Amino acid sequence: MTLAAARSQSTDPLRLREQTLDLARAMADAGKRLALALEEKERLSRLLDAVLENLDAGVALCTAEGKVLAANRAATQLGVVSDGVDGPRRLHPAVAAHAPEDPAPMHPQGVNGPAWIVRTRPIDFSGSSDATLAVVTDVTALVELERRERRRSRFEAAGRM
């Protein structure tokens, strides 16, 4: 094909109309795919929110300074995060100071208060900021059960003597 023939073909109004319609169809298809992807993302986001809100464990995402970025209802109910009435919501100081490798239950309010198992993990938001994910499980009932079992065992041992 010669250059003159190519130019005349590319400027042909019918050819331009067909190309325009093809592009319009391609854009409409891309728009539909994008809308479906957005709808799926929103569905998964609602699902994840529902799962987090229905966990018994407190889950909190915090900055390195202890400012809470996000937390589920259990985190607030357990006292893992402050309610934010007198400033930004903050992570409980005992949780913030918790060593990630320590598996022992902690007593944030003393031995007669609740017992928590705390798991923390650093989270990197694509290099934009570092944060910590804290998952706190209330094991107060389990610790109390263990205490009662130890006490019962001591009484049994004393009875045998």
C-alpha atoms as a PDB file:
ATOM      1  CA  MET A   1       0.000   0.000   0.000  1.00  0.00           C
ATOM      2  CA  THR A   2       1.331   3.388  -0.888  1.00  0.00           C
ATOM      3  CA  LEU A   3       1.546   6.332   1.461  1.00  0.00           C
ATOM      4  CA  ALA A   4      -1.181   8.171  -0.448  1.00  0.00           C
ATOM      5  CA  ALA A   5      -3.502   5.168  -0.205  1.00  0.00           C
ATOM      6  CA  ALA A   6      -2.834   4.832   3.546  1.00  0.00           C
ATOM      7  CA  ARG A   7      -3.605   8.514   4.095  1.00  0.00           C
ATOM      8  CA  SER A   8      -6.821   8.345   2.155  1.00  0.00           C
ATOM      9  CA  GLN A   9      -7.879   5.207   4.025  1.00  0.00           C
ATOM     10  CA  SER A  10      -7.108   6.673   7.465  1.00  0.00           C
ATOM     11  CA  THR A  11      -9.144   9.789   6.696  1.00  0.00           C
ATOM     12  CA  ASP A  12     -12.076   7.851   5.322  1.00  0.00           C
ATOM     13  CA  PRO A  13     -15.108   9.067   7.376  1.00  0.00           C
ATOM     14  CA  LEU A  14     -16.608   5.555   7.575  1.00  0.00           C
ATOM     15  CA  ARG A  15     -13.341   4.125   8.848  1.00  0.00           C
ATOM     16  CA  LEU A  16     -13.052   6.889  11.459  1.00  0.00           C
ATOM     17  CA  ARG A  17     -16.630   6.268  12.546  1.00  0.00           C
ATOM     18  CA  GLU A  18     -15.935   2.542  12.954  1.00  0.00           C
ATOM     19  CA  GLN A  19     -12.793   3.251  14.975  1.00  0.00           C
ATOM     20  CA  THR A  20     -14.719   5.676  17.157  1.00  0.00           C
ATOM     21  CA  LEU A  21     -17.469   3.122  17.761  1.00  0.00           C
ATOM     22  CA  ASP A  22     -14.889   0.426  18.531  1.00  0.00           C
ATOM     23  CA  LEU A  23     -13.220   2.711  21.050  1.00  0.00           C
ATOM     24  CA  ALA A  24     -16.567   3.639  22.596  1.00  0.00           C
ATOM     25  CA  ARG A  25     -17.463  -0.064  22.987  1.00  0.00           C
ATOM     26  CA  ALA A  26     -14.050  -0.824  24.483  1.00  0.00           C
ATOM     27  CA  MET A  27     -14.427   2.040  26.957  1.00  0.00           C
ATOM     28  CA  ALA A  28     -17.958   0.899  27.888  1.00  0.00           C
ATOM     29  CA  ASP A  29     -16.666  -2.643  28.491  1.00  0.00           C
ATOM     30  CA  ALA A  30     -13.784  -1.321  30.575  1.00  0.00           C
ATOM     31  CA  GLY A  31     -16.240   0.822  32.555  1.00  0.00           C
ATOM     32  CA  LYS A  32     -18.432  -2.226  33.249  1.00  0.00           C
ATOM     33  CA  ARG A  33     -15.412  -4.275  34.368  1.00  0.00           C
ATOM     34  CA  LEU A  34     -14.283  -1.433  36.596  1.00  0.00           C
ATOM     35  CA  ALA A  35     -17.767  -1.078  38.116  1.00  0.00           C
ATOM     36  CA  LEU A  36     -17.897  -4.836  38.804  1.00  0.00           C
ATOM     37  CA  ALA A  37     -14.429  -4.768  40.373  1.00  0.00           C
ATOM     38  CA  LEU A  38     -15.421  -1.812  42.575  1.00  0.00           C
ATOM     39  CA  GLU A  39     -18.631  -3.557  43.607  1.00  0.00           C
ATOM     40  CA  GLU A  40     -16.653  -6.698  44.545  1.00  0.00           C
ATOM     41  CA  LYS A  41     -14.133  -4.623  46.496  1.00  0.00           C
ATOM     42  CA  GLU A  42     -16.934  -2.928  48.440  1.00  0.00           C
ATOM     43  CA  ARG A  43     -18.561  -6.309  49.151  1.00  0.00           C
ATOM     44  CA  LEU A  44     -15.285  -7.700  50.478  1.00  0.00           C
ATOM     45  CA  SER A  45     -14.745  -4.556  52.552  1.00  0.00           C
ATOM     46  CA  ARG A  46     -18.196  -4.924  54.161  1.00  0.00           C
ATOM     47  CA  LEU A  47     -17.502  -8.615  54.780  1.00  0.00           C
ATOM     48  CA  LEU A  48     -14.153  -7.870  56.431  1.00  0.00           C
ATOM     49  CA  ASP A  49     -15.736  -5.133  58.569  1.00  0.00           C
ATOM     50  CA  ALA A  50     -18.439  -7.559  59.706  1.00  0.00           C
ATOM     51  CA  VAL A  51     -15.860 -10.213  60.597  1.00  0.00           C
ATOM     52  CA  LEU A  52     -13.699  -7.761  62.566  1.00  0.00           C
ATOM     53  CA  GLU A  53     -16.678  -6.316  64.431  1.00  0.00           C
ATOM     54  CA  ASN A  54     -17.886  -9.777  65.460  1.00  0.00           C
ATOM     55  CA  LEU A  55     -14.555 -11.017  66.813  1.00  0.00           C
ATOM     56  CA  ASP A  56     -14.279 -11.490  70.566  1.00  0.00           C
ATOM     57  CA  ALA A  57     -10.637 -10.407  70.398  1.00  0.00           C
ATOM     58  CA  GLY A  58      -9.778  -6.741  70.363  1.00  0.00           C
ATOM     59  CA  VAL A  59      -8.012  -5.711  67.159  1.00  0.00           C
ATOM     60  CA  ALA A  60      -6.319  -2.323  66.869  1.00  0.00           C
ATOM     61  CA  LEU A  61      -4.063  -0.753  64.273  1.00  0.00           C
ATOM     62  CA  CYS A  62      -1.836   1.945  65.758  1.00  0.00           C
ATOM     63  CA  THR A  63       0.968   4.293  64.813  1.00  0.00           C
ATOM     64  CA  ALA A  64       4.385   3.944  66.430  1.00  0.00           C
ATOM     65  CA  GLU A  65       3.318   6.726  68.837  1.00  0.00           C
ATOM     66  CA  GLY A  66       0.285   4.715  70.005  1.00  0.00           C
ATOM     67  CA  LYS A  67      -2.381   6.707  68.135  1.00  0.00           C
ATOM     68  CA  VAL A  68      -5.157   4.351  67.051  1.00  0.00           C
ATOM     69  CA  LEU A  69      -5.816   4.322  63.314  1.00  0.00           C
ATOM     70  CA  ALA A  70      -8.574   1.696  63.469  1.00  0.00           C
ATOM     71  CA  ALA A  71     -10.056  -0.620  66.090  1.00  0.00           C
ATOM     72  CA  ASN A  72     -12.960  -3.001  66.370  1.00  0.00           C
ATOM     73  CA  ARG A  73     -15.715  -2.817  68.978  1.00  0.00           C
ATOM     74  CA  ALA A  74     -14.103  -5.483  71.194  1.00  0.00           C
ATOM     75  CA  ALA A  75     -10.917  -3.405  71.466  1.00  0.00           C
ATOM     76  CA  THR A  76     -12.928  -0.533  72.920  1.00  0.00           C
ATOM     77  CA  GLN A  77     -15.027  -2.773  75.178  1.00  0.00           C
ATOM     78  CA  LEU A  78     -11.951  -4.510  76.604  1.00  0.00           C
ATOM     79  CA  GLY A  79     -10.225  -1.178  77.203  1.00  0.00           C
ATOM     80  CA  VAL A  80      -7.433  -1.906  74.734  1.00  0.00           C
ATOM     81  CA  VAL A  81      -8.056   1.521  73.183  1.00  0.00           C
ATOM     82  CA  SER A  82      -9.280   4.675  74.857  1.00  0.00           C
ATOM     83  CA  ASP A  83     -12.648   6.014  73.774  1.00  0.00           C
ATOM     84  CA  GLY A  84     -11.117   9.237  72.419  1.00  0.00           C
ATOM     85  CA  VAL A  85     -13.302  11.592  74.487  1.00  0.00           C
ATOM     86  CA  ASP A  86     -10.345  13.666  75.733  1.00  0.00           C
ATOM     87  CA  GLY A  87      -8.210  13.520  72.585  1.00  0.00           C
ATOM     88  CA  PRO A  88      -7.312  11.005  69.883  1.00  0.00           C
ATOM     89  CA  ARG A  89      -7.932   7.364  70.649  1.00  0.00           C
ATOM     90  CA  ARG A  90      -4.831   5.765  72.144  1.00  0.00           C
ATOM     91  CA  LEU A  91      -3.611   2.233  72.657  1.00  0.00           C
ATOM     92  CA  HIS A  92      -3.561   1.049  76.286  1.00  0.00           C
ATOM     93  CA  PRO A  93      -0.048   1.766  77.658  1.00  0.00           C
ATOM     94  CA  ALA A  94       0.455  -1.855  78.771  1.00  0.00           C
ATOM     95  CA  VAL A  95      -0.336  -3.084  75.250  1.00  0.00           C
ATOM     96  CA  ALA A  96       1.872  -0.431  73.672  1.00  0.00           C
ATOM     97  CA  ALA A  97       4.789  -1.513  75.884  1.00  0.00           C
ATOM     98  CA  HIS A  98       4.164  -5.228  75.357  1.00  0.00           C
ATOM     99  CA  ALA A  99       7.064  -7.270  73.959  1.00  0.00           C
ATOM    100  CA  PRO A 100       5.843  -9.135  70.846  1.00  0.00           C
ATOM    101  CA  GLU A 101       7.571 -12.374  71.826  1.00  0.00           C
ATOM    102  CA  ASP A 102       6.021 -12.539  75.345  1.00  0.00           C
ATOM    103  CA  PRO A 103       3.240 -15.183  75.286  1.00  0.00           C
ATOM    104  CA  ALA A 104       2.316 -14.886  78.990  1.00  0.00           C
ATOM    105  CA  PRO A 105      -0.994 -13.337  80.003  1.00  0.00           C
ATOM    106  CA  MET A 106      -0.649  -9.741  81.117  1.00  0.00           C
ATOM    107  CA  HIS A 107      -2.691  -8.017  83.824  1.00  0.00           C
ATOM    108  CA  PRO A 108      -3.065  -4.382  82.687  1.00  0.00           C
ATOM    109  CA  GLN A 109      -4.936  -3.375  85.863  1.00  0.00           C
ATOM    110  CA  GLY A 110      -3.126  -5.540  88.392  1.00  0.00           C
ATOM    111  CA  VAL A 111      -3.562  -9.160  89.405  1.00  0.00           C
ATOM    112  CA  ASN A 112      -7.220  -8.778  90.312  1.00  0.00           C
ATOM    113  CA  GLY A 113      -8.089  -7.176  86.981  1.00  0.00           C
ATOM    114  CA  PRO A 114      -8.529  -8.681  83.550  1.00  0.00           C
ATOM    115  CA  ALA A 115      -5.934 -10.968  81.964  1.00  0.00           C
ATOM    116  CA  TRP A 116      -5.013 -10.473  78.325  1.00  0.00           C
ATOM    117  CA  ILE A 117      -2.978 -12.380  75.803  1.00  0.00           C
ATOM    118  CA  VAL A 118      -1.430  -9.740  73.545  1.00  0.00           C
ATOM    119  CA  ARG A 119      -0.007 -10.363  70.105  1.00  0.00           C
ATOM    120  CA  THR A 120       1.563  -7.477  68.238  1.00  0.00           C
ATOM    121  CA  ARG A 121       3.007  -7.343  64.759  1.00  0.00           C
ATOM    122  CA  PRO A 122       4.579  -4.463  62.831  1.00  0.00           C
ATOM    123  CA  ILE A 123       2.732  -3.478  59.672  1.00  0.00           C
ATOM    124  CA  ASP A 124       4.353  -1.594  56.788  1.00  0.00           C
ATOM    125  CA  PHE A 125       1.993   0.506  54.670  1.00  0.00           C
ATOM    126  CA  SER A 126       4.047   0.405  51.470  1.00  0.00           C
ATOM    127  CA  GLY A 127       6.765   2.490  53.041  1.00  0.00           C
ATOM    128  CA  SER A 128       4.434   5.420  53.765  1.00  0.00           C
ATOM    129  CA  SER A 129       4.256   4.801  57.516  1.00  0.00           C
ATOM    130  CA  ASP A 130       4.923   2.082  60.036  1.00  0.00           C
ATOM    131  CA  ALA A 131       2.180   0.853  62.296  1.00  0.00           C
ATOM    132  CA  THR A 132       1.495  -1.959  64.730  1.00  0.00           C
ATOM    133  CA  LEU A 133      -1.342  -4.445  64.653  1.00  0.00           C
ATOM    134  CA  ALA A 134      -2.364  -5.477  68.171  1.00  0.00           C
ATOM    135  CA  VAL A 135      -4.662  -8.431  68.793  1.00  0.00           C
ATOM    136  CA  VAL A 136      -5.803  -8.771  72.402  1.00  0.00           C
ATOM    137  CA  THR A 137      -7.693 -11.779  73.725  1.00  0.00           C
ATOM    138  CA  ASP A 138      -9.373 -11.629  77.123  1.00  0.00           C
ATOM    139  CA  VAL A 139      -8.349 -14.786  78.999  1.00  0.00           C
ATOM    140  CA  THR A 140      -9.538 -13.671  82.439  1.00  0.00           C
ATOM    141  CA  ALA A 141     -11.910 -16.631  82.830  1.00  0.00           C
ATOM    142  CA  LEU A 142      -9.198 -19.095  81.800  1.00  0.00           C
ATOM    143  CA  VAL A 143      -6.649 -17.595  84.219  1.00  0.00           C
ATOM    144  CA  GLU A 144      -9.214 -17.740  87.022  1.00  0.00           C
ATOM    145  CA  LEU A 145      -9.974 -21.379  86.185  1.00  0.00           C
ATOM    146  CA  GLU A 146      -6.257 -22.219  86.298  1.00  0.00           C
ATOM    147  CA  ARG A 147      -5.929 -20.415  89.643  1.00  0.00           C
ATOM    148  CA  ARG A 148      -8.827 -22.417  91.068  1.00  0.00           C
ATOM    149  CA  GLU A 149      -7.340 -25.667  89.750  1.00  0.00           C
ATOM    150  CA  ARG A 150      -3.962 -24.926  91.372  1.00  0.00           C
ATOM    151  CA  ARG A 151      -5.736 -24.114  94.643  1.00  0.00           C
ATOM    152  CA  ARG A 152      -7.775 -27.335  94.459  1.00  0.00           C
ATOM    153  CA  SER A 153      -4.600 -29.332  93.762  1.00  0.00           C
ATOM    154  CA  ARG A 154      -2.894 -27.804  96.808  1.00  0.00           C
ATOM    155  CA  PHE A 155      -5.878 -28.682  98.980  1.00  0.00           C
ATOM    156  CA  GLU A 156      -5.861 -32.253  97.639  1.00  0.00           C
ATOM    157  CA  ALA A 157      -2.150 -32.556  98.336  1.00  0.00           C
ATOM    158  CA  ALA A 158      -2.637 -31.205 101.870  1.00  0.00           C
ATOM    159  CA  GLY A 159      -5.528 -33.643 102.386  1.00  0.00           C
ATOM    160  CA  ARG A 160      -3.373 -36.593 101.337  1.00  0.00           C
ATOM    161  CA  MET A 161      -0.672 -35.583 103.787  1.00  0.00           C
END
